[in-house]
Protein backbone atom coordinates (compact mmCIF):
# COMPACT_ATOMS: atom_id res chain seq x y z
CA MET A 1 -35.54 43.00 71.64
CA ARG A 2 -37.06 39.77 71.04
CA ALA A 3 -33.09 38.08 70.66
CA LEU A 4 -32.38 39.60 73.98
CA ILE A 5 -35.22 37.94 75.89
CA ALA A 6 -34.96 34.41 73.86
CA ALA A 7 -31.29 34.33 75.53
CA ALA A 8 -31.83 35.26 78.36
CA THR A 9 -34.41 32.36 78.10
CA GLY A 10 -32.68 30.19 77.27
CA LEU A 11 -29.56 30.88 79.47
CA ALA A 12 -32.20 30.74 82.39
CA VAL A 13 -33.52 27.26 81.56
CA ALA A 14 -29.59 25.50 80.90
CA LEU A 15 -28.77 26.78 84.72
CA ALA A 16 -31.96 25.87 85.93
CA LEU A 17 -31.13 22.36 83.99
CA VAL A 18 -27.71 22.18 85.26
CA LEU A 19 -28.45 23.15 89.33
CA THR A 20 -31.00 20.01 88.74
CA VAL A 21 -28.59 17.02 87.59
CA THR A 22 -26.47 18.95 89.87
CA ALA A 23 -28.82 18.72 93.10
CA LEU A 24 -29.93 15.22 91.84
CA GLY A 25 -26.23 13.82 91.94
CA SER A 26 -25.21 11.13 89.49
CA PRO A 27 -27.20 8.15 89.76
CA THR A 28 -25.98 5.04 91.70
CA GLY A 29 -23.92 2.40 90.28
CA SER A 30 -20.71 0.83 89.44
CA THR A 31 -18.74 0.16 86.52
CA SER A 32 -18.18 -3.66 86.04
CA PRO A 33 -15.34 -5.05 87.95
CA LYS A 34 -14.40 -7.93 84.90
CA PRO A 35 -12.17 -6.22 82.01
CA LEU A 36 -14.17 -5.92 78.19
CA LEU A 37 -12.71 -9.37 76.67
CA THR A 38 -11.42 -8.34 73.46
CA THR A 39 -9.67 -9.91 70.91
CA VAL A 40 -6.14 -8.90 70.01
CA PRO A 41 -4.33 -10.19 67.32
CA ALA A 42 -1.43 -12.35 67.54
CA HIS A 43 1.94 -10.72 67.81
CA PRO A 44 4.56 -12.33 65.68
């Protein structure tokens, strides 16, 4: 019985965390408009 209660508690906590993140929304920000500078080996 304890295992069932522990599973239900974990599920409730996980669901509450998901709902909290969903309510807050994604953080405001943007990606850099500049592409990452990478070095590419020269093709023969």
